[in-house]
Structures are given as C-alpha cells and as structure tokens.
Protein backbone atom coordinates (compact mmCIF):
# COMPACT_ATOMS: atom_id res chain seq x y z
CA UNK A 1 -39.22 3.14 10.69
CA UNK A 2 -38.86 -0.10 12.62
CA UNK A 3 -35.75 -0.75 14.74
CA UNK A 4 -34.65 -3.46 12.29
CA UNK A 5 -35.00 -1.11 9.31
CA UNK A 6 -33.14 1.64 11.16
CA UNK A 7 -30.30 -0.75 12.01
CA UNK A 8 -30.11 -1.83 8.35
CA UNK A 9 -29.92 1.77 7.12
CA UNK A 10 -27.23 2.57 9.70
CA UNK A 11 -25.21 -0.44 8.53
CA UNK A 12 -25.60 0.61 4.90
CA UNK A 13 -24.40 4.13 5.74
CA UNK A 14 -21.37 2.65 7.55
CA UNK A 15 -20.55 0.47 4.54
CA UNK A 16 -20.99 3.48 2.26
CA UNK A 17 -18.55 5.56 4.31
CA UNK A 18 -16.04 2.71 4.43
CA UNK A 19 -16.29 2.28 0.67
CA UNK A 20 -15.81 5.99 -0.01
CA UNK A 21 -12.81 6.15 2.35
CA UNK A 22 -11.28 3.13 0.61
CA UNK A 23 -11.88 4.73 -2.79
CA UNK A 24 -10.13 7.92 -1.62
CA UNK A 25 -7.12 5.87 -0.45
CA UNK A 26 -7.03 4.01 -3.78
CA UNK A 27 -7.10 7.33 -5.70
CA UNK A 28 -4.26 8.64 -3.52
CA UNK A 29 -2.24 5.48 -4.18
CA UNK A 30 -2.85 5.82 -7.93
CA UNK A 31 -1.63 9.43 -7.90
CA UNK A 32 1.45 8.57 -5.84
CA UNK A 33 2.20 5.68 -8.20
CA UNK A 34 1.82 7.63 -11.44
CA UNK A 35 5.42 6.80 -12.37
CA UNK A 36 4.67 3.08 -11.94
CA UNK A 37 2.12 2.46 -14.69
CA UNK A 38 1.04 -1.01 -13.57
CA UNK A 39 0.46 -0.02 -9.96
CA UNK A 40 -1.30 3.20 -10.94
CA UNK A 41 -3.67 1.28 -13.23
CA UNK A 42 -4.47 -1.31 -10.55
CA UNK A 43 -5.09 1.35 -7.90
CA UNK A 44 -7.20 3.39 -10.34
CA UNK A 45 -9.26 0.32 -11.26
CA UNK A 46 -9.78 -0.40 -7.57
CA UNK A 47 -10.99 3.16 -7.03
CA UNK A 48 -13.50 2.83 -9.90
CA UNK A 49 -14.84 -0.48 -8.56
CA UNK A 50 -15.20 1.02 -5.10
CA UNK A 51 -17.06 4.07 -6.40
CA UNK A 52 -19.47 1.82 -8.31
CA UNK A 53 -19.95 -0.22 -5.14
CA UNK A 54 -20.63 2.97 -3.16
CA UNK A 55 -23.27 4.01 -5.69
CA UNK A 56 -25.00 0.62 -5.40
CA UNK A 57 -24.96 0.76 -1.60
CA UNK A 58 -26.40 4.28 -1.68
CA UNK A 59 -29.16 3.27 -4.08
CA UNK A 60 -30.02 0.24 -1.94
CA UNK A 61 -30.27 2.45 1.14
CA UNK A 62 -32.54 4.96 -0.60
CA UNK A 63 -34.73 2.37 -2.33
CA UNK A 64 -35.09 0.03 0.64
CA UNK A 65 -38.71 -0.96 1.41
CA UNK A 66 -40.06 -2.40 4.70
CA UNK A 67 -40.12 -5.90 3.24
CA UNK A 68 -36.63 -5.89 1.71
CA UNK A 69 -34.61 -6.23 4.90
CA UNK A 70 -33.31 -9.76 4.36
CA UNK A 71 -32.54 -9.18 0.68
CA UNK A 72 -30.71 -5.92 1.46
CA UNK A 73 -28.77 -7.64 4.25
CA UNK A 74 -27.64 -10.43 1.93
CA UNK A 75 -26.55 -7.90 -0.72
CA UNK A 76 -24.68 -5.94 1.96
CA UNK A 77 -22.26 -8.79 2.76
CA UNK A 78 -20.25 -8.64 -0.52
CA UNK A 79 -20.67 -4.87 -0.61
CA UNK A 80 -18.95 -4.61 2.77
CA UNK A 81 -16.33 -7.24 1.90
CA UNK A 82 -15.15 -5.46 -1.27
CA UNK A 83 -13.64 -2.35 0.38
CA UNK A 84 -12.05 -4.52 3.06
CA UNK A 85 -10.37 -6.70 0.43
CA UNK A 86 -9.07 -3.67 -1.48
CA UNK A 87 -7.86 -2.03 1.74
CA UNK A 88 -5.89 -5.18 2.55
CA UNK A 89 -4.34 -5.12 -0.92
CA UNK A 90 -3.36 -1.46 -0.58
CA UNK A 91 -1.91 -2.14 2.85
CA UNK A 92 0.11 -5.01 1.38
CA UNK A 93 1.49 -2.68 -1.31
CA UNK A 94 2.52 -0.07 1.26
CA UNK A 95 4.12 -2.76 3.44
CA UNK A 96 6.16 -4.05 0.50
CA UNK A 97 7.26 -0.48 -0.25
CA UNK A 98 8.44 -0.09 3.34
CA UNK A 99 10.31 -3.39 3.21
CA UNK A 100 11.97 -2.37 -0.07
CA UNK A 101 13.07 0.94 1.44
CA UNK A 102 14.43 -0.81 4.53
CA UNK A 103 16.28 -3.35 2.39
CA UNK A 104 17.80 -0.58 0.26
CA UNK A 105 18.83 1.33 3.40
CA UNK A 106 20.44 -1.73 5.00
CA UNK A 107 22.16 -2.97 1.83
CA UNK A 108 25.97 -2.60 1.73
CA UNK A 109 25.80 -0.64 -1.54
CA UNK A 110 23.31 1.86 -2.87
CA UNK A 111 21.41 0.39 -5.84
CA UNK A 112 21.33 3.69 -7.76
CA UNK A 113 25.01 4.68 -7.57
CA UNK A 114 26.83 1.51 -6.58
CA UNK A 115 28.56 3.44 -3.77
CA UNK A 116 28.72 2.14 -0.19
CA UNK A 117 25.86 3.00 2.14
CA UNK A 118 26.57 4.69 5.47
CA UNK A 119 27.57 1.64 7.62
CA UNK A 120 29.97 0.22 5.02
CA UNK A 121 31.34 3.69 4.26
CA UNK A 122 32.27 4.17 7.92
CA UNK A 123 34.04 0.81 8.03
CA UNK A 124 36.05 1.79 4.96
CA UNK A 125 36.89 5.25 6.25
CA UNK A 126 38.12 4.41 9.74
CA UNK A 127 41.40 2.79 8.59
CA UNK A 128 42.13 5.76 6.33
CA UNK A 129 41.47 8.14 9.20
CA UNK A 130 43.72 6.08 11.46
CA UNK A 131 46.54 6.50 8.92
CA UNK A 132 45.97 10.26 8.97
CA UNK A 133 46.26 10.22 12.75
CA UNK A 134 49.45 8.15 12.57
CA UNK A 135 50.98 10.58 10.03
CA UNK A 136 49.70 13.66 11.91
CA UNK A 137 47.80 14.67 8.75
CA UNK A 138 44.47 16.52 8.71
CA UNK A 139 41.28 15.09 7.22
CA UNK A 140 38.16 16.75 5.88
CA UNK A 141 34.69 15.42 5.20
CA UNK A 142 32.56 16.70 2.32
CA UNK A 143 28.87 16.05 1.71
CA UNK A 144 26.88 16.98 -1.39
CA UNK A 145 23.24 16.80 -2.42
CA UNK A 146 21.25 17.82 -5.49
CA UNK A 147 19.09 20.90 -5.04
CA UNK A 148 15.40 20.19 -5.62
CA UNK A 149 15.84 16.41 -5.83
CA UNK A 150 12.63 15.70 -3.90
CA UNK A 151 10.64 17.86 -6.33
CA UNK A 152 12.30 16.14 -9.26
CA UNK A 153 11.39 12.73 -7.83
CA UNK A 154 7.78 13.81 -7.30
CA UNK A 155 7.37 15.22 -10.82
CA UNK A 156 9.58 12.94 -12.91
CA UNK A 157 9.71 9.74 -10.88
CA UNK A 158 12.35 7.82 -8.91
CA UNK A 159 14.13 6.70 -12.08
CA UNK A 160 15.04 10.26 -13.04
CA UNK A 161 16.15 11.02 -9.48
CA UNK A 162 18.38 7.92 -9.50
CA UNK A 163 19.91 9.08 -12.79
CA UNK A 164 20.78 12.44 -11.26
CA UNK A 165 22.36 10.71 -8.25
CA UNK A 166 24.45 8.55 -10.58
CA UNK A 167 25.61 11.71 -12.34
CA UNK A 168 26.58 13.28 -9.01
CA UNK A 169 28.45 10.12 -8.01
CA UNK A 170 30.35 10.25 -11.31
CA UNK A 171 31.26 13.89 -10.75
CA UNK A 172 32.55 13.09 -7.27
CA UNK A 173 34.69 10.31 -8.72
CA UNK A 174 36.12 12.71 -11.31
CA UNK A 175 36.95 15.49 -8.85
CA UNK A 176 38.44 13.50 -5.97
CA UNK A 177 41.74 11.67 -5.63
CA UNK A 178 42.36 7.93 -5.73
CA UNK A 179 42.75 7.76 -1.94
CA UNK A 180 39.54 9.66 -1.17
CA UNK A 181 36.64 7.49 0.00
CA UNK A 182 33.06 8.21 -1.09
CA UNK A 183 29.65 6.78 -0.29
CA UNK A 184 26.15 7.57 0.91
CA UNK A 185 25.73 9.41 4.17
CA UNK A 186 21.97 9.43 3.52
CA UNK A 187 20.03 7.99 0.56
CA UNK A 188 20.17 11.35 -1.28
CA UNK A 189 23.39 12.70 0.25
CA UNK A 190 26.84 11.61 -0.89
CA UNK A 191 29.88 12.05 1.34
CA UNK A 192 33.64 11.86 0.81
CA UNK A 193 36.53 11.63 3.24
CA UNK A 194 39.48 13.71 2.04
CA UNK A 195 42.53 12.34 3.88
CA UNK A 196 45.54 14.64 4.28
CA UNK A 197 43.48 17.57 3.00
CA UNK A 198 43.37 21.04 4.49
CA UNK A 199 40.27 23.21 4.64
CA UNK A 200 41.50 25.18 1.63
CA UNK A 201 42.04 21.99 -0.37
CA UNK A 202 38.57 20.73 0.55
CA UNK A 203 37.06 24.03 -0.61
CA UNK A 204 38.80 23.65 -3.97
CA UNK A 205 37.45 20.11 -4.34
CA UNK A 206 33.96 21.33 -3.44
CA UNK A 207 34.20 24.16 -5.98
CA UNK A 208 35.30 21.78 -8.75
CA UNK A 209 32.53 19.36 -7.85
CA UNK A 210 29.91 22.09 -7.87
CA UNK A 211 31.02 23.38 -11.26
CA UNK A 212 31.30 19.93 -12.88
CA UNK A 213 27.94 18.79 -11.55
CA UNK A 214 26.20 21.88 -12.87
CA UNK A 215 27.84 21.34 -16.24
CA UNK A 216 26.74 17.71 -16.48
CA UNK A 217 23.29 17.67 -14.92
CA UNK A 218 20.74 19.08 -17.37
CA UNK A 219 17.32 19.86 -15.92
CA UNK A 220 15.07 16.98 -17.11
CA UNK A 221 12.16 19.42 -17.34
CA UNK A 222 13.87 20.64 -20.53
CA UNK A 223 13.77 24.23 -19.29
CA UNK A 224 17.27 24.94 -20.55
CA UNK A 225 18.55 25.31 -17.00
CA UNK A 226 21.05 23.11 -15.19
CA UNK A 227 20.57 21.21 -11.96
CA UNK A 228 22.72 22.48 -9.09
CA UNK A 229 24.18 20.99 -5.94
CA UNK A 230 24.91 22.22 -2.45
CA UNK A 231 28.01 21.16 -0.53
CA UNK A 232 28.84 21.05 3.17
CA UNK A 233 32.43 20.71 4.37
CA UNK A 234 33.68 19.85 7.87
CA UNK A 235 37.01 19.09 9.45
CA UNK A 236 37.42 15.72 11.17
CA UNK A 237 38.37 16.53 14.74
CA UNK A 238 40.45 14.71 17.32
CA UNK A 239 39.25 11.84 19.46
CA UNK A 240 38.28 8.25 18.80
CA UNK A 241 37.89 7.68 15.05
CA UNK A 242 34.21 6.54 15.00
CA UNK A 243 33.05 9.41 17.18
CA UNK A 244 35.16 11.96 15.31
CA UNK A 245 33.77 10.76 11.97
CA UNK A 246 30.16 10.90 13.13
CA UNK A 247 30.77 14.40 14.50
CA UNK A 248 32.30 15.53 11.19
CA UNK A 249 29.44 13.99 9.19
CA UNK A 250 26.86 15.66 11.41
CA UNK A 251 28.62 19.04 11.09
CA UNK A 252 28.90 18.68 7.32
CA UNK A 253 25.22 17.78 7.05
CA UNK A 254 24.27 20.82 9.12
CA UNK A 255 26.35 23.02 6.82
CA UNK A 256 24.78 21.36 3.76
CA UNK A 257 21.24 21.97 5.00
CA UNK A 258 22.12 25.57 5.74
CA UNK A 259 23.41 26.00 2.19
CA UNK A 260 20.24 24.46 0.75
CA UNK A 261 18.04 26.60 3.00
CA UNK A 262 19.80 29.70 1.64
CA UNK A 263 18.73 28.80 -1.89
CA UNK A 264 21.20 26.07 -2.80
CA UNK A 265 24.00 26.08 -5.39
CA UNK A 266 26.56 27.04 -2.78
CA UNK A 267 29.27 25.70 -0.48
CA UNK A 268 29.19 26.11 3.27
CA UNK A 269 31.94 25.32 5.78
CA UNK A 270 31.15 23.94 9.22
CA UNK A 271 32.80 25.51 12.29
CA UNK A 272 36.12 24.03 13.32
CA UNK A 273 35.55 21.25 15.87
CA UNK A 274 36.86 21.70 19.42
CA UNK A 275 40.26 20.18 20.17
CA UNK A 276 40.39 17.03 22.25
CA UNK A 277 42.81 14.26 23.02
CA UNK A 278 42.59 10.98 21.13
CA UNK A 279 40.08 8.63 22.68
CA UNK A 280 38.68 11.30 25.04
CA UNK A 281 35.42 13.04 24.27
CA UNK A 282 34.99 16.74 24.80
C-alpha cells in the first residue's frame, strides 16, 4: 500500500471512530430525553443518520482501490463534517439545559412550587428570626424531601417529580402556621422556619407533615403504595442571624440525609447547637 493510500485509510478510520462516538452520544441523549418526545426523536434521528454515515465510511475504506484516492477524499469531506455538525448541535442542547438549570436556581421563586428559592428565603427569614431574638423566643428549622424522588424523575420524567414537589409544598402549607416561612433550601428540599417553636413543637409539625404527605402522595407507578418523605429538624442557635440560619439549615440537611440513608420515611433531629453570644461565632 502506498503512503498516500495508507494515509487515506487512516483518515477514514478516524472519521469512522468519530462518527461512531457521535452516534453513541446521540443515543445517550435520546435515552436521557425520553420524557421529552421532540428532543428524543431528534436525537434518535441523528443517531440513525450517523450510523448510516459510519456504514458508508466503512464500506468506502474496505472497497477503496489504488486509483480511487481523490474520489474517496472528496467523499470523506461531508462524511467527516456530518458528525461534527451533530456534535455541535448536541453540545448546544446540553448548554441550553445548563443555562435553564442555572436560571431556575437563581430565580427568586421555584417554578414547580412557587415557593422562594434559597436566597430569597433567607432574606424573608432573617427579620422573623430577629423578632424571635428580641422576644427571647426559640426558633426551629425543618427540612423535608421526598424519598426516591431522583428515581421517580428518571423513570417518570421531571413533570411527575414537579407534581410531587407541589404536593409536598401544599402539605407544608397545611401543617404549618401563618407565621412560619417556607421555601426551597435545595431544588428538591423544602425548608420551613418555625418561629417561637420548641423542639417538641417542631417534632409534632414534622410528624403531621409526614403523615399528611404520605396520605396525599400516591405512587405514580400505580403500585398501590404511597410516596414517603424524610424530615430533618434543627434548632436555630445563637449568634448573628445569617450565620445561625446557615448553621441550622446545614444541621437540618445533615439530619435529613441521615434519615434518608436509614431507609427514609422518618424524622431525625439534629444535635443542639453550641451556645454563643449574639454576633460572636463559636
């Protein structure tokens, strides 16, 4: 085989590998987008076109004759361009997904529940906590999340997961008082400040929330079972309000994750925070 023919075959093999890798990425995108019919169809069509292109490139490489170098090289240009174009389109889709997630995270309110996201929630809570400090009243922070929500989203789609979150938000509204402040601590975790509430009172709220949520949230898999939630509860300690809130949220999240790791459908209390003077960190 002449050096020119060997270089042509090597280029064809490289294009073939690029096309197959692009087809695999398109198939993966189609599977991940199965709950978005339009995107899944476009990604699946792209995968089919790429596989056909790979077959043509492979046939050209096998059937190449010593005198077909220029013809094969001309045919190789669009064959190499096709996977690059589809890769750019897939990259654009993933970039738009990332931008949408960032926009949802930075938005003042969560689009699924209508509750404040973390930054706005903190701004709403701090004045309420300051009133508790002024009245020498305790405050508790409660966080709740749906057990198995990630699996539900993977099997039933983001729409079903959003519906379950709306149900949880409604249950929180029905089990808390008018002065309690609720919002998203994380996209899938709802939190509530319970001003002037003791640990025992917070446990009662958590128990009511757990029972009501289980009653309302029917498993969308139609298995006859109910969805469950896990709850973490933490006391808001002394010190500057923003730092004390973040500490309580972090402690409640740690308790929540421990409850979920133990199988879910349970309530866990965080350890009592260390005492400190207002405005002075421990």
